Amino acid sequence: MVLEKLTDLVEKARKAFGEKVWEELERTSTDIDNADIDLKNLMLEKNIAISTSIAEKISEMPREPWIGKRYSYQLPAYHYTLKVMARKKSYEIEFEEIIRETISWHRGA
């Protein structure tokens, strides 16, 4: 389901970004707060991301790679999967690659 939703996101984003879609997705997977506004809106529309700006007033947000100051991924799986897809510039990714990405971040944290 995660890969399906992100594949659809990439196809829709490709219309706006053309061949630079992978660069924009890589930037977004690193820092969702500073992603292009059209891409963020598309991610919000598809329930891949949520606005967390109100949460800052309620409590301190945890510092995880999928949680920004103003936007966050709905699921950590979206963040890690998008990161792998952007790095490979492909939809053709394996589940094991996502697991390795997750493990490598947590080892380095």
C-alpha atoms as a PDB file:
ATOM      1  CA  MET A   1       0.000   0.000   0.000  1.00  0.00           C
ATOM      2  CA  VAL A   2       2.810   2.445   0.870  1.00  0.00           C
ATOM      3  CA  LEU A   3       4.658   1.782  -2.371  1.00  0.00           C
ATOM      4  CA  GLU A   4       1.407   2.082  -4.339  1.00  0.00           C
ATOM      5  CA  LYS A   5       0.578   5.483  -2.828  1.00  0.00           C
ATOM      6  CA  LEU A   6       4.105   6.789  -3.355  1.00  0.00           C
ATOM      7  CA  THR A   7       4.197   5.543  -6.947  1.00  0.00           C
ATOM      8  CA  ASP A   8       0.997   7.482  -7.580  1.00  0.00           C
ATOM      9  CA  LEU A   9       2.529  10.542  -5.892  1.00  0.00           C
ATOM     10  CA  VAL A  10       5.602  10.334  -8.127  1.00  0.00           C
ATOM     11  CA  GLU A  11       3.473  10.074 -11.263  1.00  0.00           C
ATOM     12  CA  LYS A  12       1.451  13.149 -10.295  1.00  0.00           C
ATOM     13  CA  ALA A  13       4.573  15.066  -9.219  1.00  0.00           C
ATOM     14  CA  ARG A  14       6.307  14.186 -12.501  1.00  0.00           C
ATOM     15  CA  LYS A  15       3.728  16.356 -14.299  1.00  0.00           C
ATOM     16  CA  ALA A  16       4.855  19.397 -12.281  1.00  0.00           C
ATOM     17  CA  PHE A  17       8.595  18.682 -11.985  1.00  0.00           C
ATOM     18  CA  GLY A  18       9.414  16.707 -15.123  1.00  0.00           C
ATOM     19  CA  GLU A  19      12.806  15.021 -14.983  1.00  0.00           C
ATOM     20  CA  LYS A  20      13.701  16.884 -11.777  1.00  0.00           C
ATOM     21  CA  VAL A  21      11.043  14.917  -9.903  1.00  0.00           C
ATOM     22  CA  TRP A  22      13.598  12.583  -8.307  1.00  0.00           C
ATOM     23  CA  GLU A  23      15.742  15.500  -7.096  1.00  0.00           C
ATOM     24  CA  GLU A  24      12.693  17.153  -5.542  1.00  0.00           C
ATOM     25  CA  LEU A  25      11.614  13.893  -3.915  1.00  0.00           C
ATOM     26  CA  GLU A  26      15.092  13.348  -2.501  1.00  0.00           C
ATOM     27  CA  ARG A  27      15.053  16.864  -1.040  1.00  0.00           C
ATOM     28  CA  THR A  28      11.584  16.209   0.389  1.00  0.00           C
ATOM     29  CA  SER A  29      12.662  12.903   1.940  1.00  0.00           C
ATOM     30  CA  THR A  30      15.464  14.762   3.716  1.00  0.00           C
ATOM     31  CA  ASP A  31      13.512  17.858   4.791  1.00  0.00           C
ATOM     32  CA  ILE A  32       9.753  17.794   4.334  1.00  0.00           C
ATOM     33  CA  ASP A  33       9.341  21.310   5.755  1.00  0.00           C
ATOM     34  CA  ASN A  34      11.298  22.828   2.881  1.00  0.00           C
ATOM     35  CA  ALA A  35       9.718  20.767   0.109  1.00  0.00           C
ATOM     36  CA  ASP A  36       8.074  22.548  -2.781  1.00  0.00           C
ATOM     37  CA  ILE A  37       4.609  23.741  -1.719  1.00  0.00           C
ATOM     38  CA  ASP A  38       2.898  21.983  -4.639  1.00  0.00           C
ATOM     39  CA  LEU A  39       4.496  18.703  -3.623  1.00  0.00           C
ATOM     40  CA  LYS A  40       3.535  19.213   0.026  1.00  0.00           C
ATOM     41  CA  ASN A  41      -0.049  19.953  -0.993  1.00  0.00           C
ATOM     42  CA  LEU A  42      -0.126  16.779  -3.083  1.00  0.00           C
ATOM     43  CA  MET A  43       1.254  14.795  -0.137  1.00  0.00           C
ATOM     44  CA  LEU A  44      -1.381  16.303   2.163  1.00  0.00           C
ATOM     45  CA  GLU A  45      -4.129  15.520  -0.340  1.00  0.00           C
ATOM     46  CA  LYS A  46      -3.009  11.884  -0.586  1.00  0.00           C
ATOM     47  CA  ASN A  47      -2.642  11.516   3.208  1.00  0.00           C
ATOM     48  CA  ILE A  48       1.071  10.873   2.904  1.00  0.00           C
ATOM     49  CA  ALA A  49       1.854  13.919   5.039  1.00  0.00           C
ATOM     50  CA  ILE A  50       0.103  15.956   7.704  1.00  0.00           C
ATOM     51  CA  SER A  51       0.504  19.475   9.016  1.00  0.00           C
ATOM     52  CA  THR A  52       2.035  19.409  12.500  1.00  0.00           C
ATOM     53  CA  SER A  53       2.409  23.147  13.051  1.00  0.00           C
ATOM     54  CA  ILE A  54      -0.422  23.153  15.605  1.00  0.00           C
ATOM     55  CA  ALA A  55       1.221  20.326  17.593  1.00  0.00           C
ATOM     56  CA  GLU A  56       4.152  22.581  18.457  1.00  0.00           C
ATOM     57  CA  LYS A  57       1.776  24.623  20.613  1.00  0.00           C
ATOM     58  CA  ILE A  58       0.457  21.517  22.356  1.00  0.00           C
ATOM     59  CA  SER A  59       3.648  19.624  23.148  1.00  0.00           C
ATOM     60  CA  GLU A  60       7.207  19.132  22.006  1.00  0.00           C
ATOM     61  CA  MET A  61       7.396  16.966  18.903  1.00  0.00           C
ATOM     62  CA  PRO A  62       9.865  14.071  18.975  1.00  0.00           C
ATOM     63  CA  ARG A  63      12.930  14.423  16.775  1.00  0.00           C
ATOM     64  CA  GLU A  64      12.612  11.703  14.190  1.00  0.00           C
ATOM     65  CA  PRO A  65      13.585  11.987  10.507  1.00  0.00           C
ATOM     66  CA  TRP A  66       9.973  11.788   9.333  1.00  0.00           C
ATOM     67  CA  ILE A  67       8.775  14.590  11.651  1.00  0.00           C
ATOM     68  CA  GLY A  68       9.421  18.178  10.646  1.00  0.00           C
ATOM     69  CA  LYS A  69       8.505  21.376  12.458  1.00  0.00           C
ATOM     70  CA  ARG A  70       5.516  22.148  10.219  1.00  0.00           C
ATOM     71  CA  TYR A  71       4.897  18.905   8.289  1.00  0.00           C
ATOM     72  CA  SER A  72       5.399  15.224   8.952  1.00  0.00           C
ATOM     73  CA  TYR A  73       4.880  11.960   7.155  1.00  0.00           C
ATOM     74  CA  GLN A  74       1.733  10.096   8.228  1.00  0.00           C
ATOM     75  CA  LEU A  75       3.815   6.923   8.628  1.00  0.00           C
ATOM     76  CA  PRO A  76       7.565   6.449   8.984  1.00  0.00           C
ATOM     77  CA  ALA A  77       7.233   3.925   6.141  1.00  0.00           C
ATOM     78  CA  TYR A  78       6.384   6.760   3.718  1.00  0.00           C
ATOM     79  CA  HIS A  79       9.563   8.598   4.666  1.00  0.00           C
ATOM     80  CA  TYR A  80      11.895   5.618   4.359  1.00  0.00           C
ATOM     81  CA  THR A  81      10.282   4.283   1.188  1.00  0.00           C
ATOM     82  CA  LEU A  82      10.392   7.686  -0.512  1.00  0.00           C
ATOM     83  CA  LYS A  83      14.041   8.056   0.487  1.00  0.00           C
ATOM     84  CA  VAL A  84      14.934   4.732  -1.166  1.00  0.00           C
ATOM     85  CA  MET A  85      12.868   5.491  -4.279  1.00  0.00           C
ATOM     86  CA  ALA A  86      14.475   8.930  -4.670  1.00  0.00           C
ATOM     87  CA  ARG A  87      17.988   7.594  -4.193  1.00  0.00           C
ATOM     88  CA  LYS A  88      17.423   4.852  -6.786  1.00  0.00           C
ATOM     89  CA  LYS A  89      15.318   7.138  -9.025  1.00  0.00           C
ATOM     90  CA  SER A  90      12.949   4.227  -9.461  1.00  0.00           C
ATOM     91  CA  TYR A  91       9.747   2.595  -8.289  1.00  0.00           C
ATOM     92  CA  GLU A  92      11.503  -0.759  -8.512  1.00  0.00           C
ATOM     93  CA  ILE A  93      12.609  -1.188  -4.936  1.00  0.00           C
ATOM     94  CA  GLU A  94      12.678  -4.154  -2.633  1.00  0.00           C
ATOM     95  CA  PHE A  95      11.233  -4.346   0.864  1.00  0.00           C
ATOM     96  CA  GLU A  96      14.699  -5.235   2.173  1.00  0.00           C
ATOM     97  CA  GLU A  97      16.054  -1.895   0.908  1.00  0.00           C
ATOM     98  CA  ILE A  98      13.522  -0.031   3.020  1.00  0.00           C
ATOM     99  CA  ILE A  99      14.435  -2.111   6.065  1.00  0.00           C
ATOM    100  CA  ARG A 100      18.145  -1.412   5.500  1.00  0.00           C
ATOM    101  CA  GLU A 101      17.425   2.334   5.198  1.00  0.00           C
ATOM    102  CA  THR A 102      15.491   2.284   8.472  1.00  0.00           C
ATOM    103  CA  ILE A 103      18.167   0.313  10.294  1.00  0.00           C
ATOM    104  CA  SER A 104      21.017   2.472   9.010  1.00  0.00           C
ATOM    105  CA  TRP A 105      19.319   5.647  10.237  1.00  0.00           C
ATOM    106  CA  HIS A 106      18.650   4.199  13.671  1.00  0.00           C
ATOM    107  CA  ARG A 107      22.219   2.956  14.006  1.00  0.00           C
ATOM    108  CA  GLY A 108      23.503   6.425  13.172  1.00  0.00           C
ATOM    109  CA  ALA A 109      21.044   8.240  15.455  1.00  0.00           C
END
